[in-house]
Amino acid sequence: MNPSRRSFLAHSSVLPFVGLLGPGYKSPQDFYEQMEATIAQHKDRKQVFNMCGYAAPAIPDLRVGYIGLGNRGYASIQRLGRMEGVEIRAICDVYDFPIQRAKDFLRLHRRPEPAVYTGSRDAWKALCEREDLDLIYVLTPTFYHAEMAVHVMASGKHAAVEVSAAQRVDDCWRLVDTSERTRKHCVILENCVYDFFESMAINMAHQGFFGDIVHAEGAYLHPERPLFDEPKPPLSKESAPWYGSVLALAPGNRIPTHGTAPICQAMKIGRGDRLDYLTSMETDDFIRAKTANALAASGSAYHQQFKNQRHAGNVNTTMIRTVSGKTLLVEFDAVNPRPYSRIFQLAGSRGFAQKYPLPPRIYPDGEHLADAAEMKTLERQYTPELIRSIEDTAKRFGGHGGMDFTVDWRLVDNLRNGRPLDVDVYDAALWSSITPLTLWSVMNRSAPIDVPDFTCGAWRTNPPLRLTLDGGGNTVVRDVPG
């Protein structure tokens, strides 16, 4: 079910900033018409080629390019720069500082100096046209991700995209269309699926430890204060502080993938079940507008852009139902004072698990809490082979406790060995689509919104996720420079 146009326009006054989702949206009516056109266009779509379980030809010597060298880009270069069988051949940014920082690191680690692309906002296109690249990382501000990833794949390279991979449903479909047509991977760099406890719980779920997972909960509850922080050099005006402030103007779940991805993997979404429809509800704003106006009143020229604006609600709560009758709850709150949490709750017919906000815990029969000794036994039995092999190295080189290193190493190792990827383009499209879908529901008094089936029915037979090292696991990491 989707809301009628009359219903949509009647309540769309809550969102005067719909253009934040991307170019082409001049008004709420434009947003509605684009969503309806996208639904109609893909209603009878047939899958061109199934990228789930697809093993692209092995690339033992992986040649990599980077678009965007901010904090995430530089951190990724620090990880890939330590891996054997990987050469970072080209880097791109519009600012000098991040380029020099990346070159200095690679020089320290005795790696070849990469070609540099800069000087204009279109310099990244020339990088994509190089014939000596196999994989390109897209680590720019989120609203550039879809356009760049599509261009990367159309240029004959695999794309690795930071979260979220797209901000619009039609762009989610463009990612799927391009990946299937080119047979190039588009992997979303969602690190939370490689959290050590979450990986173990996902493996337990797939082996039936919890019975049927009938309900799951995930979230991104992460107060990002101070609000409206002004970017300082060498950060650009489109850095994370500015982007977070701009996103505060638009309703919906703005950062959906961290909470959605691991519970979707545990519930085999896209690989035996699929999301059917969602309904999203949001509080009013009780904090952001007051903060923005107070900062503007202090005389700051930077904060004038956020003065007297309508801001999104402080908490977004979304319920999703699957075609098999199971439910997911996904929350987003980046403003209220509360403990950091991604929740990660699995409620099964025989057992229960949850990670946040208390220490990770498992109830094997749904009633008694596994003690320390039982947890150790479960860890020995159910920790995936991937995590066992890389955990110590991942923790040593860090990145959100090792998750960031794991996502990079796993991608590199799978591509070098010609193995299927754990996260495919359908995951990237689905998890990213939660943002525009929740916005659409909020704009319509929490009306239920259909979730697209980006697999076009292939979810029924897609192979299960396997976090093993079969045919791989041979990517060596250098502990020290040179």
Protein backbone atom coordinates (compact mmCIF):
# COMPACT_ATOMS: atom_id res chain seq x y z
CA MET A 1 0.00 0.00 0.00
CA ASN A 2 1.12 3.53 -0.74
CA PRO A 3 -0.60 6.81 0.21
CA SER A 4 -2.79 8.64 -2.22
CA ARG A 5 -1.50 11.83 -3.81
CA ARG A 6 -4.18 13.84 -2.06
CA SER A 7 -3.20 12.41 1.33
CA PHE A 8 0.46 13.05 0.63
CA LEU A 9 0.02 16.69 -0.34
CA ALA A 10 -2.35 17.31 2.55
CA HIS A 11 0.34 16.48 5.08
CA SER A 12 3.50 17.41 3.18
CA SER A 13 3.69 20.82 4.85
CA VAL A 14 5.78 19.13 7.53
CA LEU A 15 8.69 19.03 5.08
CA PRO A 16 9.72 22.24 3.37
CA PHE A 17 13.24 20.86 2.79
CA VAL A 18 12.50 17.81 0.63
CA GLY A 19 15.23 18.89 -1.78
CA LEU A 20 17.78 17.63 0.74
CA LEU A 21 17.27 14.14 -0.66
CA GLY A 22 18.97 15.15 -3.88
CA PRO A 23 18.68 17.11 -7.10
CA GLY A 24 15.34 17.22 -8.84
CA TYR A 25 13.13 17.66 -5.79
CA LYS A 26 11.80 21.22 -5.85
CA SER A 27 8.74 20.56 -3.72
CA PRO A 28 6.92 17.77 -1.86
CA GLN A 29 4.89 17.21 -5.02
CA ASP A 30 8.11 16.55 -6.97
CA PHE A 31 9.12 14.01 -4.35
CA TYR A 32 5.77 12.25 -4.54
CA GLU A 33 5.74 12.18 -8.35
CA GLN A 34 9.29 10.82 -8.53
CA MET A 35 8.50 8.07 -6.03
CA GLU A 36 5.35 7.09 -7.95
CA ALA A 37 7.23 7.11 -11.26
CA THR A 38 9.94 4.90 -9.78
CA ILE A 39 7.37 2.40 -8.51
CA ALA A 40 5.65 2.26 -11.89
CA GLN A 41 8.93 1.93 -13.79
CA HIS A 42 10.12 -1.08 -11.79
CA LYS A 43 6.79 -2.78 -11.14
CA ASP A 44 7.40 -5.58 -13.66
CA ARG A 45 11.18 -5.44 -13.76
CA LYS A 46 13.03 -8.70 -14.43
CA GLN A 47 16.44 -9.40 -13.02
CA VAL A 48 19.16 -9.05 -15.66
CA PHE A 49 21.84 -10.98 -13.74
CA ASN A 50 21.85 -12.13 -10.12
CA MET A 51 24.71 -10.46 -8.23
CA CYS A 52 23.93 -12.34 -5.00
CA GLY A 53 26.44 -15.15 -4.71
CA TYR A 54 28.28 -13.96 -7.80
CA ALA A 55 32.02 -14.57 -7.74
CA ALA A 56 33.74 -12.11 -10.07
CA PRO A 57 37.02 -13.25 -11.65
CA ALA A 58 39.86 -13.28 -9.13
CA ILE A 59 42.19 -10.26 -9.00
CA PRO A 60 45.30 -11.41 -7.10
CA ASP A 61 46.97 -8.01 -7.53
CA LEU A 62 44.18 -5.59 -6.67
CA ARG A 63 44.58 -2.05 -8.02
CA VAL A 64 42.61 0.51 -6.03
CA GLY A 65 41.52 4.12 -6.42
CA TYR A 66 40.00 6.49 -3.85
CA ILE A 67 37.46 9.26 -4.32
CA GLY A 68 37.28 11.29 -1.12
CA LEU A 69 40.11 11.41 1.41
CA GLY A 70 38.42 12.76 4.52
CA ASN A 71 38.59 10.92 7.82
CA ARG A 72 36.97 7.75 6.46
CA GLY A 73 39.05 7.82 3.29
CA TYR A 74 42.33 8.34 5.08
CA ALA A 75 41.53 5.63 7.63
CA SER A 76 40.77 3.18 4.81
CA ILE A 77 44.05 4.02 3.07
CA GLN A 78 45.84 3.28 6.34
CA ARG A 79 44.25 -0.18 6.31
CA LEU A 80 44.66 -1.11 2.64
CA GLY A 81 48.14 0.38 2.63
CA ARG A 82 49.18 -2.43 4.98
CA MET A 83 47.75 -5.26 2.86
CA GLU A 84 49.85 -7.32 0.47
CA GLY A 85 48.44 -7.85 -3.00
CA VAL A 86 46.97 -4.34 -2.99
CA GLU A 87 48.28 -1.22 -4.71
CA ILE A 88 46.64 2.17 -4.24
CA ARG A 89 47.24 3.68 -7.66
CA ALA A 90 45.07 6.81 -7.71
CA ILE A 91 43.53 9.21 -5.20
CA CYS A 92 41.15 12.13 -5.59
CA ASP A 93 40.02 15.02 -3.43
CA VAL A 94 39.23 18.70 -3.94
CA TYR A 95 41.49 19.79 -1.05
CA ASP A 96 45.28 19.67 -0.73
CA PHE A 97 45.60 18.61 2.92
CA PRO A 98 43.94 15.17 2.64
CA ILE A 99 45.88 14.41 -0.54
CA GLN A 100 49.22 15.16 1.10
CA ARG A 101 48.27 13.21 4.22
CA ALA A 102 47.49 10.10 2.14
CA LYS A 103 50.70 10.41 0.12
CA ASP A 104 52.77 10.77 3.29
CA PHE A 105 51.31 7.59 4.76
CA LEU A 106 51.93 5.55 1.62
CA ARG A 107 55.48 6.88 1.39
CA LEU A 108 56.10 5.90 5.04
CA HIS A 109 54.96 2.37 4.24
CA ARG A 110 57.15 2.26 1.14
CA ARG A 111 54.24 2.04 -1.23
CA PRO A 112 54.30 3.54 -4.74
CA GLU A 113 53.15 7.14 -4.95
CA PRO A 114 49.60 7.29 -6.34
CA ALA A 115 48.42 9.48 -9.19
CA VAL A 116 46.53 12.52 -7.90
CA TYR A 117 43.26 13.89 -9.26
CA THR A 118 42.19 17.29 -8.01
CA GLY A 119 41.54 20.85 -9.17
CA SER A 120 37.82 20.54 -9.85
CA ARG A 121 34.71 18.82 -8.52
CA ASP A 122 34.65 16.59 -11.61
CA ALA A 123 38.23 15.35 -11.27
CA TRP A 124 36.94 12.03 -9.94
CA LYS A 125 35.53 11.17 -13.37
CA ALA A 126 39.02 11.10 -14.90
CA LEU A 127 40.14 8.75 -12.13
CA CYS A 128 37.28 6.39 -13.00
CA GLU A 129 38.38 6.30 -16.65
CA ARG A 130 41.80 4.87 -15.83
CA GLU A 131 42.26 1.39 -17.24
CA ASP A 132 44.58 0.21 -14.47
CA LEU A 133 42.06 0.15 -11.61
CA ASP A 134 39.95 -2.77 -10.37
CA LEU A 135 38.22 -1.29 -7.30
CA ILE A 136 37.30 2.30 -6.46
CA TYR A 137 36.32 3.49 -3.00
CA VAL A 138 33.66 6.23 -2.85
CA LEU A 139 34.08 8.05 0.47
CA THR A 140 32.62 11.45 -0.30
CA PRO A 141 29.61 13.18 1.33
CA THR A 142 26.58 10.89 1.14
CA PHE A 143 24.60 12.80 -1.46
CA TYR A 144 27.37 12.08 -4.05
CA HIS A 145 27.53 8.32 -3.43
CA ALA A 146 24.98 6.99 -5.92
CA GLU A 147 26.13 9.09 -8.88
CA MET A 148 29.75 8.19 -8.29
CA ALA A 149 29.15 4.48 -7.69
CA VAL A 150 27.11 4.20 -10.89
CA HIS A 151 29.92 5.91 -12.82
CA VAL A 152 32.52 3.63 -11.22
CA MET A 153 30.69 0.47 -12.30
CA ALA A 154 29.91 1.84 -15.76
CA SER A 155 33.65 2.46 -16.12
CA GLY A 156 34.32 -1.22 -15.51
CA LYS A 157 35.39 -1.20 -11.86
CA HIS A 158 33.95 -2.60 -8.66
CA ALA A 159 32.58 0.06 -6.30
CA ALA A 160 32.96 0.22 -2.52
CA VAL A 161 30.62 2.86 -1.12
CA GLU A 162 30.34 4.35 2.34
CA VAL A 163 26.93 4.44 4.05
CA SER A 164 24.39 5.18 2.82
CA ALA A 165 24.87 4.13 -0.79
CA ALA A 166 21.98 6.31 -2.04
CA GLN A 167 19.51 8.88 -0.77
CA ARG A 168 16.70 8.26 -3.28
CA VAL A 169 14.79 5.13 -4.27
CA ASP A 170 15.38 5.72 -7.98
CA ASP A 171 19.13 5.93 -7.26
CA CYS A 172 18.91 2.63 -5.37
CA TRP A 173 17.49 1.08 -8.52
CA ARG A 174 20.23 2.71 -10.62
CA LEU A 175 22.82 0.96 -8.47
CA VAL A 176 21.07 -2.39 -9.01
CA ASP A 177 20.58 -1.83 -12.74
CA THR A 178 24.20 -0.86 -13.30
CA SER A 179 25.66 -3.65 -11.17
CA GLU A 180 23.61 -6.32 -12.96
CA ARG A 181 24.37 -4.90 -16.39
CA THR A 182 28.12 -4.57 -15.85
CA ARG A 183 28.53 -7.52 -13.47
CA LYS A 184 30.55 -5.24 -11.22
CA HIS A 185 30.04 -5.36 -7.49
CA CYS A 186 28.62 -2.44 -5.54
CA VAL A 187 29.35 -3.14 -1.89
CA ILE A 188 28.21 -0.84 0.88
CA LEU A 189 30.90 -0.48 3.56
CA GLU A 190 28.56 -1.29 6.43
CA ASN A 191 30.95 -2.11 9.24
CA CYS A 192 28.34 -3.16 11.83
CA VAL A 193 27.71 -6.50 10.12
CA TYR A 194 31.28 -7.40 11.15
CA ASP A 195 30.97 -6.47 14.80
CA PHE A 196 32.35 -9.49 16.65
CA PHE A 197 29.26 -10.20 18.78
CA GLU A 198 26.83 -9.44 15.97
CA SER A 199 28.71 -11.73 13.56
CA MET A 200 28.54 -14.53 16.12
CA ALA A 201 24.83 -13.96 16.77
CA ILE A 202 24.12 -13.89 13.02
CA ASN A 203 25.91 -17.23 12.70
CA MET A 204 23.92 -18.62 15.63
CA ALA A 205 20.67 -17.44 14.06
CA HIS A 206 21.51 -19.12 10.75
CA GLN A 207 22.27 -22.37 12.54
CA GLY A 208 18.89 -22.30 14.28
CA PHE A 209 20.16 -21.59 17.81
CA PHE A 210 17.36 -19.08 18.49
CA GLY A 211 14.69 -20.98 16.55
CA ASP A 212 12.75 -18.74 14.18
CA ILE A 213 13.78 -15.09 14.53
CA VAL A 214 10.29 -13.61 14.68
CA HIS A 215 11.29 -10.09 15.72
CA ALA A 216 14.49 -8.05 15.67
CA GLU A 217 15.47 -4.54 16.69
CA GLY A 218 18.28 -2.28 15.54
CA ALA A 219 19.14 1.38 15.90
CA TYR A 220 21.51 4.26 15.54
CA LEU A 221 21.23 6.05 18.90
CA HIS A 222 24.22 8.32 18.96
CA PRO A 223 23.99 11.89 20.30
CA GLU A 224 26.19 14.01 18.04
CA ARG A 225 26.82 17.02 20.20
CA PRO A 226 27.71 19.83 19.97
CA LEU A 227 24.94 20.39 17.44
CA PHE A 228 25.70 22.59 14.45
CA ASP A 229 29.42 22.49 15.15
CA GLU A 230 31.26 24.71 12.68
CA PRO A 231 33.83 22.83 10.55
CA LYS A 232 37.36 23.99 11.20
CA PRO A 233 40.26 23.78 8.70
CA PRO A 234 41.41 21.44 7.29
CA LEU A 235 37.81 20.18 7.23
CA SER A 236 35.76 21.33 4.25
CA LYS A 237 32.40 23.04 4.36
CA GLU A 238 30.86 19.69 3.34
CA SER A 239 32.47 17.74 6.17
CA ALA A 240 30.63 15.64 8.73
CA PRO A 241 29.70 18.53 11.07
CA TRP A 242 28.05 20.52 8.29
CA TYR A 243 26.41 17.48 6.76
CA GLY A 244 24.93 16.39 10.09
CA SER A 245 23.48 19.86 10.57
CA VAL A 246 21.89 19.87 7.12
CA LEU A 247 20.41 16.41 7.63
CA ALA A 248 18.74 17.70 10.79
CA LEU A 249 16.33 19.56 8.54
CA ALA A 250 14.82 16.43 6.95
CA PRO A 251 12.56 13.82 8.64
CA GLY A 252 13.02 10.09 8.39
CA ASN A 253 15.74 7.69 9.49
CA ARG A 254 18.83 9.52 8.27
CA ILE A 255 21.35 6.80 9.22
CA PRO A 256 19.46 3.53 8.72
CA THR A 257 22.13 1.02 7.75
CA HIS A 258 23.95 0.53 11.08
CA GLY A 259 20.81 -0.72 12.80
CA THR A 260 19.12 -2.35 9.81
CA ALA A 261 21.98 -4.30 8.23
CA PRO A 262 22.92 -6.80 10.97
CA ILE A 263 19.33 -7.69 11.87
CA CYS A 264 18.51 -8.12 8.17
CA GLN A 265 21.43 -10.51 7.84
CA ALA A 266 20.34 -12.44 10.93
CA MET A 267 16.81 -12.75 9.50
CA LYS A 268 18.09 -13.79 6.05
CA ILE A 269 16.52 -10.80 4.31
CA GLY A 270 17.24 -11.10 0.60
CA ARG A 271 18.21 -14.74 1.14
CA GLY A 272 14.97 -16.49 2.10
CA ASP A 273 12.75 -13.61 3.20
CA ARG A 274 12.27 -9.98 2.19
CA LEU A 275 10.97 -6.72 3.64
CA ASP A 276 7.34 -6.12 2.66
CA TYR A 277 6.25 -2.74 4.01
CA LEU A 278 7.11 -0.22 6.72
CA THR A 279 5.48 2.51 8.76
CA SER A 280 7.51 5.31 10.33
CA MET A 281 6.66 7.74 13.12
CA GLU A 282 8.65 10.71 14.38
CA THR A 283 8.62 13.04 17.37
CA ASP A 284 8.56 16.80 17.02
CA ASP A 285 11.80 18.74 17.41
CA PHE A 286 12.46 19.81 20.98
CA ILE A 287 16.19 20.57 20.75
CA ARG A 288 17.66 21.42 17.35
CA ALA A 289 15.77 24.60 16.48
CA LYS A 290 16.40 26.10 19.92
CA THR A 291 20.09 25.28 19.65
CA ALA A 292 20.42 26.66 16.12
CA ASN A 293 18.64 29.91 16.96
CA ALA A 294 20.72 30.41 20.09
CA LEU A 295 23.95 29.97 18.14
CA ALA A 296 22.76 32.34 15.43
CA ALA A 297 21.84 34.92 18.06
CA SER A 298 25.41 34.83 19.36
CA GLY A 299 26.48 36.56 16.17
CA SER A 300 28.06 33.62 14.32
CA ALA A 301 27.85 34.12 10.56
CA TYR A 302 28.15 30.37 9.98
CA HIS A 303 25.08 29.55 12.08
CA GLN A 304 22.80 32.03 10.32
CA GLN A 305 22.04 29.35 7.68
CA PHE A 306 20.25 27.25 10.31
CA LYS A 307 18.31 30.11 11.95
CA ASN A 308 14.50 29.92 12.05
CA GLN A 309 14.44 26.68 10.07
CA ARG A 310 12.00 23.82 10.58
CA HIS A 311 13.99 20.85 11.87
CA ALA A 312 13.26 17.15 11.76
CA GLY A 313 11.97 15.36 14.82
CA ASN A 314 14.44 14.17 17.40
CA VAL A 315 13.50 10.46 17.37
CA ASN A 316 12.39 8.35 14.42
CA THR A 317 10.85 4.91 15.01
CA THR A 318 10.12 2.55 12.13
CA MET A 319 8.34 -0.80 12.09
CA ILE A 320 8.93 -3.15 9.16
CA ARG A 321 7.08 -6.36 8.33
CA THR A 322 8.50 -9.15 6.18
CA VAL A 323 6.56 -11.23 3.65
CA SER A 324 6.85 -14.21 6.00
CA GLY A 325 5.15 -12.28 8.82
CA LYS A 326 8.15 -11.32 10.93
CA THR A 327 8.85 -7.80 12.20
CA LEU A 328 11.78 -5.42 12.61
CA LEU A 329 11.97 -2.24 14.66
CA VAL A 330 14.56 0.36 13.65
CA GLU A 331 15.21 3.58 15.59
CA PHE A 332 17.21 6.73 14.92
CA ASP A 333 18.17 9.40 17.44
CA ALA A 334 21.24 11.60 17.07
CA VAL A 335 20.31 14.38 19.45
CA ASN A 336 18.90 13.30 22.83
CA PRO A 337 21.23 12.61 25.75
CA ARG A 338 21.19 8.82 26.03
CA PRO A 339 23.65 5.91 25.97
CA TYR A 340 25.09 4.94 22.62
CA SER A 341 23.19 1.95 21.26
CA ARG A 342 22.55 -0.04 18.12
CA ILE A 343 20.26 -2.33 20.19
CA PHE A 344 20.87 -5.41 18.00
CA GLN A 345 18.14 -7.55 19.47
CA LEU A 346 17.11 -10.95 18.13
CA ALA A 347 13.92 -12.44 19.57
CA GLY A 348 13.55 -16.05 18.48
CA SER A 349 11.07 -18.82 19.15
CA ARG A 350 13.67 -20.59 21.32
CA GLY A 351 16.16 -17.94 22.45
CA PHE A 352 17.09 -14.28 22.70
CA ALA A 353 20.16 -12.06 22.18
CA GLN A 354 20.86 -8.35 22.61
CA LYS A 355 24.02 -6.27 22.62
CA TYR A 356 23.08 -2.74 23.76
CA PRO A 357 22.94 -0.75 25.93
CA LEU A 358 24.09 -3.35 28.49
CA PRO A 359 27.00 -5.72 27.80
CA PRO A 360 26.20 -8.37 25.15
CA ARG A 361 23.99 -11.11 26.50
CA ILE A 362 22.34 -14.30 25.32
CA TYR A 363 19.40 -16.15 26.78
CA PRO A 364 19.74 -19.67 25.30
CA ASP A 365 16.21 -20.71 26.24
CA GLY A 366 14.72 -17.22 26.38
CA GLU A 367 14.68 -17.23 30.19
CA HIS A 368 18.08 -17.81 31.81
CA LEU A 369 21.02 -15.52 31.06
CA ALA A 370 24.15 -17.26 29.84
CA ASP A 371 26.92 -16.71 32.41
CA ALA A 372 30.54 -15.96 31.58
CA ALA A 373 31.48 -19.63 31.20
CA GLU A 374 28.51 -20.33 28.92
CA MET A 375 29.34 -17.26 26.82
CA LYS A 376 32.88 -18.52 26.32
CA THR A 377 31.51 -21.89 25.18
CA LEU A 378 29.12 -20.20 22.75
CA GLU A 379 31.93 -18.01 21.39
CA ARG A 380 34.11 -21.06 20.74
CA GLN A 381 31.28 -22.85 18.97
CA TYR A 382 29.67 -20.07 16.97
CA THR A 383 32.24 -17.36 16.23
CA PRO A 384 32.53 -17.42 12.41
CA GLU A 385 35.76 -18.58 10.85
CA LEU A 386 36.25 -15.12 9.34
CA ILE A 387 36.16 -13.41 12.72
CA ARG A 388 38.40 -15.97 14.41
CA SER A 389 41.05 -15.51 11.74
CA ILE A 390 41.10 -11.70 11.61
CA GLU A 391 39.98 -10.54 15.08
CA ASP A 392 43.42 -9.92 16.61
CA THR A 393 44.69 -8.10 13.53
CA ALA A 394 41.48 -6.10 13.24
CA LYS A 395 41.68 -4.96 16.85
CA ARG A 396 45.34 -3.99 16.44
CA PHE A 397 44.67 -1.74 13.47
CA GLY A 398 41.36 -0.54 14.81
CA GLY A 399 38.54 1.38 13.26
CA HIS A 400 35.48 1.21 15.54
CA GLY A 401 37.04 -1.59 17.53
CA GLY A 402 38.14 -3.52 14.47
CA MET A 403 34.92 -3.53 12.43
CA ASP A 404 36.31 -1.09 9.87
CA PHE A 405 39.42 -3.17 9.31
CA THR A 406 37.35 -6.34 8.93
CA VAL A 407 35.05 -4.86 6.29
CA ASP A 408 38.05 -3.68 4.22
CA TRP A 409 40.09 -6.85 4.63
CA ARG A 410 37.12 -9.09 3.80
CA LEU A 411 36.31 -7.13 0.63
CA VAL A 412 39.93 -7.18 -0.53
CA ASP A 413 40.39 -10.88 0.27
CA ASN A 414 37.19 -11.90 -1.52
CA LEU A 415 38.03 -9.91 -4.65
CA ARG A 416 41.62 -11.18 -4.73
CA ASN A 417 40.41 -14.78 -4.49
CA GLY A 418 37.34 -14.56 -6.72
CA ARG A 419 34.88 -15.26 -3.92
CA PRO A 420 31.29 -13.99 -3.58
CA LEU A 421 30.83 -10.94 -1.38
CA ASP A 422 29.04 -11.01 1.97
CA VAL A 423 27.17 -7.79 1.14
CA ASP A 424 25.85 -7.31 -2.40
CA VAL A 425 24.23 -4.51 -4.37
CA TYR A 426 20.75 -5.61 -3.27
CA ASP A 427 21.77 -5.12 0.35
CA ALA A 428 23.22 -1.70 -0.49
CA ALA A 429 20.01 -0.64 -2.21
CA LEU A 430 17.65 -2.08 0.39
CA TRP A 431 19.36 -0.75 3.50
CA SER A 432 19.86 2.69 1.92
CA SER A 433 16.25 2.90 0.72
CA ILE A 434 15.04 3.05 4.33
CA THR A 435 15.85 6.78 4.41
CA PRO A 436 13.49 7.93 1.61
CA LEU A 437 10.86 5.35 2.53
CA THR A 438 10.70 6.48 6.15
CA LEU A 439 10.58 10.09 5.03
CA TRP A 440 7.65 9.26 2.78
CA SER A 441 5.81 7.54 5.63
CA VAL A 442 6.46 10.37 8.11
CA MET A 443 5.16 12.88 5.58
CA ASN A 444 1.95 10.84 5.41
CA ARG A 445 1.09 10.48 9.08
CA SER A 446 2.94 7.16 9.32
CA ALA A 447 1.11 5.54 6.41
CA PRO A 448 2.41 2.08 5.44
CA ILE A 449 4.86 2.21 2.52
CA ASP A 450 5.81 -0.75 0.32
CA VAL A 451 9.50 -1.70 0.36
CA PRO A 452 10.88 -2.43 -3.13
CA ASP A 453 12.08 -5.93 -3.91
CA PHE A 454 15.45 -5.09 -5.42
CA THR A 455 16.12 -8.81 -6.07
CA CYS A 456 13.02 -9.08 -8.29
CA GLY A 457 12.02 -12.34 -6.63
CA ALA A 458 15.49 -13.90 -6.43
CA TRP A 459 15.35 -13.63 -2.61
CA ARG A 460 13.47 -16.92 -2.60
CA THR A 461 16.50 -18.89 -3.83
CA ASN A 462 19.53 -16.66 -3.13
CA PRO A 463 22.33 -18.55 -1.33
CA PRO A 464 22.74 -18.07 2.43
CA LEU A 465 25.45 -15.86 3.90
CA ARG A 466 28.60 -17.79 4.82
CA LEU A 467 31.34 -16.05 6.84
CA THR A 468 33.92 -18.73 6.03
CA LEU A 469 37.36 -18.54 4.45
CA ASP A 470 36.84 -21.32 1.91
CA GLY A 471 39.05 -20.49 -1.06
CA GLY A 472 40.43 -17.33 0.57
CA GLY A 473 41.91 -15.91 3.75
CA ASN A 474 45.40 -15.45 2.27
CA THR A 475 45.65 -11.64 2.24
CA VAL A 476 48.69 -10.80 4.38
CA VAL A 477 48.78 -7.69 6.57
CA ARG A 478 52.08 -5.94 7.23
CA ASP A 479 52.49 -5.01 10.88
CA VAL A 480 55.11 -2.29 10.41
CA PRO A 481 56.19 0.01 7.54
CA GLY A 482 58.31 -1.46 4.78
